[in-house]
C-alpha atoms as a PDB file:
ATOM      1  CA  MET A   1      24.586  -9.129  -2.679  1.00  0.00           C
ATOM      2  CA  ALA A   2      22.674  -6.793  -5.158  1.00  0.00           C
ATOM      3  CA  ALA A   3      24.613  -3.993  -6.799  1.00  0.00           C
ATOM      4  CA  LYS A   4      24.015  -0.647  -5.209  1.00  0.00           C
ATOM      5  CA  GLN A   5      21.192   1.215  -7.057  1.00  0.00           C
ATOM      6  CA  ARG A   6      21.739   4.758  -8.291  1.00  0.00           C
ATOM      7  CA  ALA A   7      19.006   7.325  -7.721  1.00  0.00           C
ATOM      8  CA  ALA A   8      16.980   8.214 -10.673  1.00  0.00           C
ATOM      9  CA  PRO A   9      17.455  11.631 -12.229  1.00  0.00           C
ATOM     10  CA  ALA A  10      15.725  14.451 -10.379  1.00  0.00           C
ATOM     11  CA  PRO A  11      13.146  15.212 -12.951  1.00  0.00           C
ATOM     12  CA  GLN A  12      12.101  11.520 -13.092  1.00  0.00           C
ATOM     13  CA  ARG A  13      11.915  11.281  -9.317  1.00  0.00           C
ATOM     14  CA  ARG A  14       9.651  14.412  -9.221  1.00  0.00           C
ATOM     15  CA  ARG A  15       7.525  12.958 -11.984  1.00  0.00           C
ATOM     16  CA  VAL A  16       7.159   9.661 -10.168  1.00  0.00           C
ATOM     17  CA  ALA A  17       6.406  11.332  -6.841  1.00  0.00           C
ATOM     18  CA  LEU A  18       3.661  13.524  -8.480  1.00  0.00           C
ATOM     19  CA  ILE A  19       2.074  10.676 -10.469  1.00  0.00           C
ATOM     20  CA  VAL A  20       2.000   8.299  -7.492  1.00  0.00           C
ATOM     21  CA  SER A  21       0.873  10.919  -4.945  1.00  0.00           C
ATOM     22  CA  VAL A  22      -1.912  12.283  -7.055  1.00  0.00           C
ATOM     23  CA  SER A  23      -3.120   8.831  -8.253  1.00  0.00           C
ATOM     24  CA  VAL A  24      -3.097   7.429  -4.682  1.00  0.00           C
ATOM     25  CA  ALA A  25      -5.023  10.412  -3.397  1.00  0.00           C
ATOM     26  CA  ILE A  26      -7.637  10.358  -6.092  1.00  0.00           C
ATOM     27  CA  LEU A  27      -8.100   6.609  -6.049  1.00  0.00           C
ATOM     28  CA  THR A  28      -8.291   6.605  -2.167  1.00  0.00           C
ATOM     29  CA  ALA A  29     -10.918   9.299  -2.298  1.00  0.00           C
ATOM     30  CA  ALA A  30     -12.774   7.304  -5.091  1.00  0.00           C
ATOM     31  CA  LEU A  31     -12.622   4.097  -3.165  1.00  0.00           C
ATOM     32  CA  THR A  32     -13.772   5.688   0.101  1.00  0.00           C
ATOM     33  CA  GLY A  33     -16.436   7.557  -1.705  1.00  0.00           C
ATOM     34  CA  VAL A  34     -17.732   4.433  -3.400  1.00  0.00           C
ATOM     35  CA  VAL A  35     -17.919   2.697   0.041  1.00  0.00           C
ATOM     36  CA  ALA A  36     -19.873   5.635   1.493  1.00  0.00           C
ATOM     37  CA  ALA A  37     -22.250   5.757  -1.459  1.00  0.00           C
ATOM     38  CA  LEU A  38     -23.034   2.077  -1.725  1.00  0.00           C
ATOM     39  CA  GLY A  39     -25.895   0.573   0.211  1.00  0.00           C
ATOM     40  CA  GLY A  40     -26.113  -3.063   1.387  1.00  0.00           C
ATOM     41  CA  LEU A  41     -23.004  -3.821   3.306  1.00  0.00           C
ATOM     42  CA  SER A  42     -21.952  -1.714   6.268  1.00  0.00           C
ATOM     43  CA  THR A  43     -18.952   0.485   6.244  1.00  0.00           C
ATOM     44  CA  ILE A  44     -17.337  -2.003   8.611  1.00  0.00           C
ATOM     45  CA  HIS A  45     -17.814  -4.851   6.138  1.00  0.00           C
ATOM     46  CA  TYR A  46     -16.260  -2.741   3.260  1.00  0.00           C
ATOM     47  CA  ALA A  47     -13.334  -2.026   5.615  1.00  0.00           C
ATOM     48  CA  GLU A  48     -12.951  -5.752   6.332  1.00  0.00           C
ATOM     49  CA  ILE A  49     -12.994  -6.473   2.480  1.00  0.00           C
ATOM     50  CA  ILE A  50     -10.311  -3.827   1.815  1.00  0.00           C
ATOM     51  CA  ALA A  51      -8.227  -5.214   4.586  1.00  0.00           C
ATOM     52  CA  ALA A  52      -8.535  -8.817   3.410  1.00  0.00           C
ATOM     53  CA  ALA A  53      -7.588  -7.604  -0.140  1.00  0.00           C
ATOM     54  CA  GLY A  54      -4.499  -5.824   1.357  1.00  0.00           C
ATOM     55  CA  VAL A  55      -3.481  -9.113   2.926  1.00  0.00           C
ATOM     56  CA  ALA A  56      -3.924 -10.932  -0.331  1.00  0.00           C
ATOM     57  CA  VAL A  57      -1.856  -8.335  -2.349  1.00  0.00           C
ATOM     58  CA  SER A  58       0.820  -8.196   0.245  1.00  0.00           C
ATOM     59  CA  ALA A  59       1.050 -12.017   0.398  1.00  0.00           C
ATOM     60  CA  TYR A  60       1.415 -12.074  -3.434  1.00  0.00           C
ATOM     61  CA  VAL A  61       4.366  -9.602  -3.268  1.00  0.00           C
ATOM     62  CA  LEU A  62       5.770 -11.596  -0.329  1.00  0.00           C
ATOM     63  CA  ALA A  63       5.621 -14.757  -2.359  1.00  0.00           C
ATOM     64  CA  TYR A  64       7.712 -12.956  -5.072  1.00  0.00           C
ATOM     65  CA  LYS A  65      10.253 -11.807  -2.529  1.00  0.00           C
ATOM     66  CA  VAL A  66      10.595 -15.202  -0.834  1.00  0.00           C
ATOM     67  CA  TRP A  67       9.991 -17.770  -3.571  1.00  0.00           C
ATOM     68  CA  GLY A  68      10.347 -15.793  -6.721  1.00  0.00           C
ATOM     69  CA  THR A  69       6.672 -16.191  -7.730  1.00  0.00           C
ATOM     70  CA  PRO A  70       6.317 -14.405 -11.207  1.00  0.00           C
ATOM     71  CA  LEU A  71       5.024 -10.929 -11.118  1.00  0.00           C
ATOM     72  CA  LEU A  72       2.117  -9.929 -13.412  1.00  0.00           C
ATOM     73  CA  CYS A  73       3.375  -6.399 -14.034  1.00  0.00           C
ATOM     74  CA  PRO A  74       5.239  -4.524 -16.802  1.00  0.00           C
ATOM     75  CA  ARG A  75       9.020  -4.630 -16.502  1.00  0.00           C
ATOM     76  CA  GLY A  76      10.072  -1.753 -18.676  1.00  0.00           C
ATOM     77  CA  GLY A  77       9.531   1.937 -18.628  1.00  0.00           C
ATOM     78  CA  LEU A  78       8.141   3.997 -15.799  1.00  0.00           C
ATOM     79  CA  VAL A  79       5.881   1.147 -14.337  1.00  0.00           C
ATOM     80  CA  ASN A  80       8.359  -1.529 -13.255  1.00  0.00           C
ATOM     81  CA  CYS A  81       7.283  -3.529 -10.225  1.00  0.00           C
ATOM     82  CA  LYS A  82      10.333  -5.856 -10.424  1.00  0.00           C
ATOM     83  CA  MET A  83      12.749  -2.887 -10.199  1.00  0.00           C
ATOM     84  CA  VAL A  84      10.891  -1.469  -7.173  1.00  0.00           C
ATOM     85  CA  LEU A  85      10.512  -4.803  -5.439  1.00  0.00           C
ATOM     86  CA  ASP A  86      14.129  -5.739  -5.997  1.00  0.00           C
ATOM     87  CA  SER A  87      15.376  -2.484  -4.568  1.00  0.00           C
ATOM     88  CA  ARG A  88      16.921  -1.918  -1.184  1.00  0.00           C
ATOM     89  CA  PHE A  89      13.781  -0.077  -0.256  1.00  0.00           C
ATOM     90  CA  SER A  90      11.723  -3.244  -0.253  1.00  0.00           C
ATOM     91  CA  VAL A  91      13.502  -4.651   2.779  1.00  0.00           C
ATOM     92  CA  TRP A  92      13.313  -3.212   6.339  1.00  0.00           C
ATOM     93  CA  PHE A  93      15.751  -4.593   8.937  1.00  0.00           C
ATOM     94  CA  GLY A  94      16.353  -7.651   6.709  1.00  0.00           C
ATOM     95  CA  VAL A  95      12.642  -8.513   6.502  1.00  0.00           C
ATOM     96  CA  PRO A  96      10.608  -7.909   3.249  1.00  0.00           C
ATOM     97  CA  SER A  97       8.444  -4.908   3.678  1.00  0.00           C
ATOM     98  CA  ALA A  98       5.579  -6.944   2.226  1.00  0.00           C
ATOM     99  CA  LEU A  99       5.544  -9.014   5.451  1.00  0.00           C
ATOM    100  CA  PHE A 100       5.064  -5.826   7.394  1.00  0.00           C
ATOM    101  CA  GLY A 101       2.247  -4.892   4.977  1.00  0.00           C
ATOM    102  CA  MET A 102       0.586  -8.298   5.414  1.00  0.00           C
ATOM    103  CA  LEU A 103       0.650  -8.033   9.209  1.00  0.00           C
ATOM    104  CA  PHE A 104      -0.670  -4.468   8.981  1.00  0.00           C
ATOM    105  CA  PHE A 105      -3.696  -5.503   6.907  1.00  0.00           C
ATOM    106  CA  ALA A 106      -4.319  -8.624   9.040  1.00  0.00           C
ATOM    107  CA  PHE A 107      -4.256  -6.453  12.199  1.00  0.00           C
ATOM    108  CA  GLU A 108      -6.700  -3.966  10.466  1.00  0.00           C
ATOM    109  CA  LEU A 109      -8.945  -6.906   9.541  1.00  0.00           C
ATOM    110  CA  VAL A 110      -9.122  -8.169  13.108  1.00  0.00           C
ATOM    111  CA  ALA A 111      -9.530  -4.631  14.530  1.00  0.00           C
ATOM    112  CA  PHE A 112     -12.514  -3.945  12.329  1.00  0.00           C
ATOM    113  CA  TYR A 113     -13.903  -7.370  12.908  1.00  0.00           C
ATOM    114  CA  ILE A 114     -13.905  -7.000  16.688  1.00  0.00           C
ATOM    115  CA  GLY A 115     -15.051  -3.380  16.485  1.00  0.00           C
ATOM    116  CA  SER A 116     -11.923  -1.853  17.845  1.00  0.00           C
ATOM    117  CA  TYR A 117     -11.991   1.262  15.668  1.00  0.00           C
ATOM    118  CA  PRO A 118      -9.482   3.365  17.763  1.00  0.00           C
ATOM    119  CA  ALA A 119      -6.961   0.562  17.336  1.00  0.00           C
ATOM    120  CA  ALA A 120      -7.724   0.479  13.576  1.00  0.00           C
ATOM    121  CA  LEU A 121      -7.237   4.197  13.496  1.00  0.00           C
ATOM    122  CA  ALA A 122      -3.853   4.072  15.356  1.00  0.00           C
ATOM    123  CA  ALA A 123      -2.636   1.289  12.956  1.00  0.00           C
ATOM    124  CA  GLY A 124      -4.041   3.240  10.009  1.00  0.00           C
ATOM    125  CA  THR A 125      -2.163   6.328  11.008  1.00  0.00           C
ATOM    126  CA  LEU A 126       1.078   4.252  10.979  1.00  0.00           C
ATOM    127  CA  GLY A 127      -0.096   2.817   7.651  1.00  0.00           C
ATOM    128  CA  VAL A 128      -0.495   6.259   6.070  1.00  0.00           C
ATOM    129  CA  MET A 129       2.917   7.308   7.343  1.00  0.00           C
ATOM    130  CA  SER A 130       4.418   4.212   5.746  1.00  0.00           C
ATOM    131  CA  VAL A 131       2.605   5.130   2.465  1.00  0.00           C
ATOM    132  CA  PHE A 132       4.459   8.511   2.329  1.00  0.00           C
ATOM    133  CA  GLU A 133       7.788   6.614   2.928  1.00  0.00           C
ATOM    134  CA  ARG A 134       6.961   4.176   0.121  1.00  0.00           C
ATOM    135  CA  ILE A 135       6.082   6.914  -2.267  1.00  0.00           C
ATOM    136  CA  ARG A 136       9.476   8.505  -1.426  1.00  0.00           C
ATOM    137  CA  ALA A 137      11.109   5.144  -2.154  1.00  0.00           C
ATOM    138  CA  GLN A 138       9.438   4.900  -5.517  1.00  0.00           C
ATOM    139  CA  ALA A 139      10.423   8.455  -6.407  1.00  0.00           C
ATOM    140  CA  SER A 140      14.032   7.681  -5.462  1.00  0.00           C
ATOM    141  CA  ILE A 141      14.037   4.681  -7.811  1.00  0.00           C
ATOM    142  CA  GLY A 142      12.198   6.581 -10.418  1.00  0.00           C
ATOM    143  CA  ARG A 143       9.834   3.717 -11.025  1.00  0.00           C
ATOM    144  CA  ILE A 144       6.198   2.902 -10.179  1.00  0.00           C
ATOM    145  CA  CYS A 145       5.023  -0.364  -8.610  1.00  0.00           C
ATOM    146  CA  ILE A 146       1.305  -1.106  -9.240  1.00  0.00           C
ATOM    147  CA  TYR A 147       1.041  -3.600  -6.402  1.00  0.00           C
ATOM    148  CA  CYS A 148       2.626  -1.156  -3.995  1.00  0.00           C
ATOM    149  CA  ASN A 149       0.278   1.632  -4.956  1.00  0.00           C
ATOM    150  CA  VAL A 150      -2.734  -0.682  -4.647  1.00  0.00           C
ATOM    151  CA  THR A 151      -1.770  -1.406  -0.982  1.00  0.00           C
ATOM    152  CA  HIS A 152      -1.214   2.352  -0.465  1.00  0.00           C
ATOM    153  CA  ILE A 153      -4.763   3.065  -1.607  1.00  0.00           C
ATOM    154  CA  PHE A 154      -6.003   0.223   0.646  1.00  0.00           C
ATOM    155  CA  ALA A 155      -4.031   1.632   3.650  1.00  0.00           C
ATOM    156  CA  ALA A 156      -5.188   5.196   3.078  1.00  0.00           C
ATOM    157  CA  SER A 157      -8.835   4.026   2.616  1.00  0.00           C
ATOM    158  CA  LEU A 158      -8.761   2.027   5.823  1.00  0.00           C
ATOM    159  CA  PHE A 159      -7.335   5.125   7.692  1.00  0.00           C
ATOM    160  CA  LEU A 160     -10.251   7.198   6.440  1.00  0.00           C
ATOM    161  CA  LEU A 161     -12.771   4.529   7.187  1.00  0.00           C
ATOM    162  CA  SER A 162     -11.520   3.951  10.736  1.00  0.00           C
ATOM    163  CA  ALA A 163     -11.528   7.726  11.348  1.00  0.00           C
ATOM    164  CA  TYR A 164     -15.116   7.877  10.121  1.00  0.00           C
ATOM    165  CA  LEU A 165     -16.111   4.967  12.387  1.00  0.00           C
ATOM    166  CA  CYS A 166     -14.420   6.500  15.370  1.00  0.00           C
ATOM    167  CA  VAL A 167     -16.552   9.627  15.138  1.00  0.00           C
ATOM    168  CA  HIS A 168     -19.840   7.955  14.269  1.00  0.00           C
END
């Protein structure tokens, strides 16, 4: 059993929460704006690409959790994926949270593919709620996980795209 992790000092928790929250918000807006500005593929196809990318990133993190696949991420300092992914926050009910992420993105992919935008929006709402919890977890640890935040950006973007498709 892993040793119990101590919470990071309050200033570091606040700094991590601010950095992650602002960067996820800005990058989500940027990704969603790029999708809206680009021609060619439809919004639906961009949503499907984002969902498929979310499945891939979540599968990579799950492979680390299950089989110990090496992480391509810094291990020291503020950005430390290993520390975040090895924390107690990376497991829900005994199941790696990456599995839940992979299932979420797979559901979103199917929902967009079959045109069920209200289902995608409902799932996206749960996804965004999860993003807030995951940001809180990173703040508690006092470290940032790049892979986690990429999936947060994808989840928030899918929420915005599904909301857009529901009203158009």
